[in-house]
């Protein structure tokens, strides 16, 4: 299994909206960055990801699961852009902020810490375990 982090602006798409989509999940659409798109191309069914509220909150608020593999993004006719679908798994008992990640030396090389703008990014198994521990999330 691989781990990921999906960033969303909460005023556009927030955790509660993701949860409301239920088992069917929702397209992670609107991504217009090649590196983020290529990350989605590597995803497998069942991969898990952190749901991250960006902008003002800057925090991990939940866990999502990839429930549909890469396919054309329905929000554009441009064939370059693709997306996966994700469904909510569970909220984080205690949100983990970007500052908490930056303050933990074990996360110094995490993509979230060194490239805060990338909207879909890989997370190593070690980083996953550390952030889950910080957020009191039991896997």
Protein backbone atom coordinates (compact mmCIF):
# COMPACT_ATOMS: atom_id res chain seq x y z
CA UNK A 1 0.00 0.00 0.00
CA UNK A 2 1.08 3.54 -0.74
CA UNK A 3 0.27 6.68 1.22
CA UNK A 4 -0.58 10.15 -0.04
CA UNK A 5 -1.66 13.60 1.01
CA UNK A 6 -4.54 15.37 -0.76
CA UNK A 7 -4.78 19.13 -0.25
CA UNK A 8 -8.07 20.95 -0.50
CA UNK A 9 -9.12 24.51 0.11
CA UNK A 10 -11.86 24.12 2.72
CA UNK A 11 -13.92 26.94 1.22
CA UNK A 12 -14.04 24.92 -2.04
CA UNK A 13 -14.16 21.29 -0.81
CA UNK A 14 -13.96 20.40 2.87
CA UNK A 15 -13.90 17.27 4.99
CA UNK A 16 -17.65 17.35 5.71
CA UNK A 17 -18.43 17.45 1.98
CA UNK A 18 -16.09 14.51 1.42
CA UNK A 19 -17.77 12.52 4.19
CA UNK A 20 -21.21 13.30 2.71
CA UNK A 21 -20.22 11.50 -0.52
CA UNK A 22 -20.18 8.19 1.36
CA UNK A 23 -18.88 4.96 -0.13
CA UNK A 24 -19.11 6.27 -3.69
CA UNK A 25 -16.50 8.91 -2.97
CA UNK A 26 -15.78 11.84 -5.23
CA UNK A 27 -13.38 12.77 -7.99
CA UNK A 28 -10.26 14.56 -6.82
CA UNK A 29 -10.70 16.91 -9.76
CA UNK A 30 -9.36 20.25 -10.82
CA UNK A 31 -5.68 19.33 -10.47
CA UNK A 32 -3.68 21.26 -13.06
CA UNK A 33 -0.15 20.40 -12.01
CA UNK A 34 1.76 17.66 -13.84
CA UNK A 35 3.59 16.38 -10.75
CA UNK A 36 0.32 16.08 -8.78
CA UNK A 37 -1.36 14.37 -11.75
CA UNK A 38 1.55 11.96 -12.10
CA UNK A 39 1.27 11.12 -8.41
CA UNK A 40 -2.37 10.17 -8.98
CA UNK A 41 -1.30 7.96 -11.90
CA UNK A 42 0.75 5.90 -9.42
CA UNK A 43 -2.15 5.27 -7.05
CA UNK A 44 -3.70 1.87 -6.47
CA UNK A 45 -7.16 0.96 -5.19
CA UNK A 46 -7.11 0.97 -1.40
CA UNK A 47 -4.19 3.39 -1.06
CA UNK A 48 -4.76 5.76 1.85
CA UNK A 49 -4.25 9.49 2.00
CA UNK A 50 -4.40 12.32 4.45
CA UNK A 51 -7.17 14.85 3.74
CA UNK A 52 -5.49 18.21 4.29
CA UNK A 53 -7.24 21.56 4.65
CA UNK A 54 -4.97 24.18 3.09
CA UNK A 55 -5.06 28.01 3.07
CA UNK A 56 -5.80 29.27 6.61
CA UNK A 57 -6.15 25.95 8.45
CA UNK A 58 -3.11 24.06 7.10
CA UNK A 59 -3.88 20.79 8.86
CA UNK A 60 -4.60 17.11 8.33
CA UNK A 61 -8.24 16.56 9.26
CA UNK A 62 -9.00 13.04 8.05
CA UNK A 63 -8.08 9.93 6.09
CA UNK A 64 -9.35 9.05 2.62
CA UNK A 65 -9.03 5.94 0.48
CA UNK A 66 -8.54 5.71 -3.28
CA UNK A 67 -11.75 4.08 -4.54
CA UNK A 68 -11.40 4.60 -8.32
CA UNK A 69 -8.22 4.57 -10.37
CA UNK A 70 -7.00 7.32 -12.66
CA UNK A 71 -9.53 8.49 -15.26
CA UNK A 72 -10.28 11.66 -17.23
CA UNK A 73 -11.11 14.66 -15.05
CA UNK A 74 -14.77 15.46 -15.70
CA UNK A 75 -14.21 19.18 -15.12
CA UNK A 76 -12.26 19.64 -18.36
CA UNK A 77 -12.14 18.38 -21.92
CA UNK A 78 -8.34 18.68 -21.92
CA UNK A 79 -7.08 15.09 -22.11
CA UNK A 80 -3.92 15.92 -20.17
CA UNK A 81 -5.82 16.14 -16.89
CA UNK A 82 -6.85 13.06 -14.99
CA UNK A 83 -7.89 12.24 -11.46
CA UNK A 84 -8.74 9.47 -9.02
CA UNK A 85 -11.79 9.17 -6.80
CA UNK A 86 -11.42 9.09 -3.02
CA UNK A 87 -13.80 8.27 -0.19
CA UNK A 88 -13.65 9.32 3.44
CA UNK A 89 -12.40 6.70 5.90
CA UNK A 90 -12.30 8.53 9.23
CA UNK A 91 -11.66 11.95 10.75
CA UNK A 92 -8.47 12.65 12.65
CA UNK A 93 -9.20 12.68 16.40
CA UNK A 94 -6.74 15.57 16.73
CA UNK A 95 -5.87 17.55 13.58
CA UNK A 96 -2.17 17.75 12.76
CA UNK A 97 -1.05 21.17 11.59
CA UNK A 98 1.67 22.06 9.12
CA UNK A 99 3.51 23.80 11.96
CA UNK A 100 3.46 20.58 14.01
CA UNK A 101 5.00 18.77 11.03
CA UNK A 102 7.65 21.45 10.57
CA UNK A 103 8.49 21.32 14.29
CA UNK A 104 9.07 17.54 14.26
CA UNK A 105 12.62 16.78 13.05
CA UNK A 106 11.52 13.31 11.91
CA UNK A 107 9.47 15.03 9.18
CA UNK A 108 12.20 17.36 7.85
CA UNK A 109 12.24 15.68 4.43
CA UNK A 110 8.47 15.25 4.08
CA UNK A 111 7.12 16.75 0.85
CA UNK A 112 4.53 18.72 2.85
CA UNK A 113 7.36 20.42 4.74
CA UNK A 114 9.69 21.11 1.80
CA UNK A 115 7.11 21.75 -0.98
CA UNK A 116 3.99 23.14 0.64
CA UNK A 117 2.35 24.00 -2.70
CA UNK A 118 2.06 20.51 -4.24
CA UNK A 119 -1.63 19.52 -4.04
CA UNK A 120 -1.25 15.72 -4.29
CA UNK A 121 1.90 14.31 -2.79
CA UNK A 122 3.43 11.04 -1.62
CA UNK A 123 3.84 10.22 2.06
CA UNK A 124 6.33 7.59 3.21
CA UNK A 125 5.18 4.79 5.54
CA UNK A 126 7.34 6.31 8.29
CA UNK A 127 5.78 9.77 7.81
CA UNK A 128 2.33 8.19 7.78
CA UNK A 129 2.98 6.49 11.12
CA UNK A 130 4.37 9.65 12.71
CA UNK A 131 1.44 11.84 11.64
CA UNK A 132 -1.09 9.20 12.69
CA UNK A 133 0.59 9.08 16.09
CA UNK A 134 0.56 12.88 16.37
CA UNK A 135 -3.15 12.94 15.52
CA UNK A 136 -4.12 10.02 17.80
CA UNK A 137 -5.32 8.15 14.70
CA UNK A 138 -5.34 4.38 15.09
CA UNK A 139 -4.73 2.51 11.83
